[in-house]
Amino acid sequence: MKIFITGFPLTVGEEELTAVFGDFGQVKSLKIIRDRDTGESRGFGFVEMPNAEEAKEAIKRMNGGDYNGHRIKVVEAQDKPATGNSNTGGFKKNNKTRNF
């Protein structure tokens, strides 16, 4: 199960968050989202736990809690909706030749 976590201090690293979620079960992967220009944490990320029951327990126990003085939000991650963008600039391609 993939979990979204936000609101944690910018100084928190992946090892620390892995250890925190590891208290609830196995952590398959963890990714802190970073600013592409500075490389600094943006205060949110994703955790993937293979056991759904352990992941749900982590969500239940951590959501809304205090983490180093910050109120964090921990929820099941939702798949990003498809935007329908096919790099056409908002226009549908039409292969017909038009004479103006």
C-alpha atoms as a PDB file:
ATOM      1  CA  MET A   1       0.000   0.000   0.000  1.00  0.00           C
ATOM      2  CA  LYS A   2       1.303   3.442  -0.889  1.00  0.00           C
ATOM      3  CA  ILE A   3       1.037   6.144   1.778  1.00  0.00           C
ATOM      4  CA  PHE A   4       1.232   9.919   1.367  1.00  0.00           C
ATOM      5  CA  ILE A   5       2.772  11.861   4.242  1.00  0.00           C
ATOM      6  CA  THR A   6       2.986  15.640   4.480  1.00  0.00           C
ATOM      7  CA  GLY A   7       3.770  18.302   7.047  1.00  0.00           C
ATOM      8  CA  PHE A   8       6.976  16.836   8.426  1.00  0.00           C
ATOM      9  CA  PRO A   9       9.984  19.085   9.158  1.00  0.00           C
ATOM     10  CA  LEU A  10      12.200  19.858   6.178  1.00  0.00           C
ATOM     11  CA  THR A  11      15.202  18.509   8.086  1.00  0.00           C
ATOM     12  CA  VAL A  12      13.797  14.969   8.325  1.00  0.00           C
ATOM     13  CA  GLY A  13      15.652  12.475   6.141  1.00  0.00           C
ATOM     14  CA  GLU A  14      14.625   9.256   4.448  1.00  0.00           C
ATOM     15  CA  GLU A  15      16.460   7.075   6.978  1.00  0.00           C
ATOM     16  CA  GLU A  16      14.545   8.655   9.858  1.00  0.00           C
ATOM     17  CA  LEU A  17      11.148   8.259   8.176  1.00  0.00           C
ATOM     18  CA  THR A  18      11.972   4.695   7.175  1.00  0.00           C
ATOM     19  CA  ALA A  19      12.713   3.917  10.830  1.00  0.00           C
ATOM     20  CA  VAL A  20       9.473   5.578  11.987  1.00  0.00           C
ATOM     21  CA  PHE A  21       7.300   3.631   9.533  1.00  0.00           C
ATOM     22  CA  GLY A  22       9.381   0.542  10.185  1.00  0.00           C
ATOM     23  CA  ASP A  23       7.901   0.503  13.691  1.00  0.00           C
ATOM     24  CA  PHE A  24       4.629  -0.573  12.025  1.00  0.00           C
ATOM     25  CA  GLY A  25       6.056  -3.113   9.579  1.00  0.00           C
ATOM     26  CA  GLN A  26       8.243  -3.579   6.534  1.00  0.00           C
ATOM     27  CA  VAL A  27       8.928  -0.498   4.421  1.00  0.00           C
ATOM     28  CA  LYS A  28       9.364  -1.420   0.760  1.00  0.00           C
ATOM     29  CA  SER A  29      10.302   2.088  -0.364  1.00  0.00           C
ATOM     30  CA  LEU A  30      10.269   5.673   0.839  1.00  0.00           C
ATOM     31  CA  LYS A  31      10.738   8.859  -1.152  1.00  0.00           C
ATOM     32  CA  ILE A  32      10.897  12.413   0.136  1.00  0.00           C
ATOM     33  CA  ILE A  33       9.964  14.878  -2.588  1.00  0.00           C
ATOM     34  CA  ARG A  34      12.672  17.478  -3.091  1.00  0.00           C
ATOM     35  CA  ASP A  35      12.854  20.837  -4.830  1.00  0.00           C
ATOM     36  CA  ARG A  36      14.381  20.268  -8.250  1.00  0.00           C
ATOM     37  CA  ASP A  37      16.528  23.410  -8.076  1.00  0.00           C
ATOM     38  CA  THR A  38      17.788  23.322  -4.479  1.00  0.00           C
ATOM     39  CA  GLY A  39      17.466  19.629  -3.634  1.00  0.00           C
ATOM     40  CA  GLU A  40      15.856  20.553  -0.309  1.00  0.00           C
ATOM     41  CA  SER A  41      12.910  18.624   1.091  1.00  0.00           C
ATOM     42  CA  ARG A  42       9.469  19.992   0.302  1.00  0.00           C
ATOM     43  CA  GLY A  43       8.026  18.445   3.494  1.00  0.00           C
ATOM     44  CA  PHE A  44       6.102  15.620   1.884  1.00  0.00           C
ATOM     45  CA  GLY A  45       6.711  12.201   0.427  1.00  0.00           C
ATOM     46  CA  PHE A  46       5.547   8.662  -0.146  1.00  0.00           C
ATOM     47  CA  VAL A  47       6.016   5.429   1.761  1.00  0.00           C
ATOM     48  CA  GLU A  48       5.238   2.017   0.318  1.00  0.00           C
ATOM     49  CA  MET A  49       4.492  -0.848   2.679  1.00  0.00           C
ATOM     50  CA  PRO A  50       3.785  -4.328   1.247  1.00  0.00           C
ATOM     51  CA  ASN A  51       1.427  -5.343   4.079  1.00  0.00           C
ATOM     52  CA  ALA A  52      -1.831  -3.351   3.791  1.00  0.00           C
ATOM     53  CA  GLU A  53      -2.862  -4.007   7.409  1.00  0.00           C
ATOM     54  CA  GLU A  54       0.440  -2.642   8.723  1.00  0.00           C
ATOM     55  CA  ALA A  55       0.125   0.366   6.422  1.00  0.00           C
ATOM     56  CA  LYS A  56      -3.418   1.062   7.634  1.00  0.00           C
ATOM     57  CA  GLU A  57      -2.228   0.873  11.232  1.00  0.00           C
ATOM     58  CA  ALA A  58       0.558   3.367  10.475  1.00  0.00           C
ATOM     59  CA  ILE A  59      -1.980   5.729   8.899  1.00  0.00           C
ATOM     60  CA  LYS A  60      -4.393   5.344  11.817  1.00  0.00           C
ATOM     61  CA  ARG A  61      -1.755   5.957  14.480  1.00  0.00           C
ATOM     62  CA  MET A  62       0.226   8.712  12.752  1.00  0.00           C
ATOM     63  CA  ASN A  63      -2.329  10.852  10.916  1.00  0.00           C
ATOM     64  CA  GLY A  64      -2.852  14.171  12.676  1.00  0.00           C
ATOM     65  CA  GLY A  65      -0.062  13.460  15.127  1.00  0.00           C
ATOM     66  CA  ASP A  66       2.808  15.636  16.236  1.00  0.00           C
ATOM     67  CA  TYR A  67       6.143  14.935  14.584  1.00  0.00           C
ATOM     68  CA  ASN A  68       8.981  17.056  15.957  1.00  0.00           C
ATOM     69  CA  GLY A  69       6.612  19.963  16.550  1.00  0.00           C
ATOM     70  CA  HIS A  70       4.805  19.649  13.221  1.00  0.00           C
ATOM     71  CA  ARG A  71       1.286  18.325  12.730  1.00  0.00           C
ATOM     72  CA  ILE A  72       1.525  15.672  10.030  1.00  0.00           C
ATOM     73  CA  LYS A  73      -1.022  14.249   7.654  1.00  0.00           C
ATOM     74  CA  VAL A  74      -0.720  10.563   6.769  1.00  0.00           C
ATOM     75  CA  VAL A  75      -3.219   9.071   4.302  1.00  0.00           C
ATOM     76  CA  GLU A  76      -3.447   6.383   1.664  1.00  0.00           C
ATOM     77  CA  ALA A  77      -1.938   7.756  -1.544  1.00  0.00           C
ATOM     78  CA  GLN A  78      -4.304   8.222  -4.436  1.00  0.00           C
ATOM     79  CA  ASP A  79      -3.278   7.497  -8.011  1.00  0.00           C
ATOM     80  CA  LYS A  80      -2.633  10.663  -9.960  1.00  0.00           C
ATOM     81  CA  PRO A  81      -5.571  11.205 -12.319  1.00  0.00           C
ATOM     82  CA  ALA A  82      -4.841  11.106 -16.023  1.00  0.00           C
ATOM     83  CA  THR A  83      -4.784  14.600 -17.444  1.00  0.00           C
ATOM     84  CA  GLY A  84      -5.581  13.549 -20.981  1.00  0.00           C
ATOM     85  CA  ASN A  85      -2.657  15.658 -22.165  1.00  0.00           C
ATOM     86  CA  SER A  86      -1.115  14.136 -25.253  1.00  0.00           C
ATOM     87  CA  ASN A  87       1.314  17.006 -25.911  1.00  0.00           C
ATOM     88  CA  THR A  88      -0.955  18.574 -28.492  1.00  0.00           C
ATOM     89  CA  GLY A  89      -1.232  21.907 -26.733  1.00  0.00           C
ATOM     90  CA  GLY A  90      -4.891  21.361 -26.005  1.00  0.00           C
ATOM     91  CA  PHE A  91      -5.789  20.784 -29.637  1.00  0.00           C
ATOM     92  CA  LYS A  92      -6.679  17.477 -31.172  1.00  0.00           C
ATOM     93  CA  LYS A  93      -4.510  16.534 -34.083  1.00  0.00           C
ATOM     94  CA  ASN A  94      -6.239  16.339 -37.363  1.00  0.00           C
ATOM     95  CA  ASN A  95      -4.282  14.646 -40.106  1.00  0.00           C
ATOM     96  CA  LYS A  96      -6.486  16.070 -42.851  1.00  0.00           C
ATOM     97  CA  THR A  97      -4.928  18.708 -45.069  1.00  0.00           C
ATOM     98  CA  ARG A  98      -6.910  21.907 -45.148  1.00  0.00           C
ATOM     99  CA  ASN A  99      -6.781  24.528 -47.865  1.00  0.00           C
ATOM    100  CA  PHE A 100      -7.511  28.055 -46.761  1.00  0.00           C
END
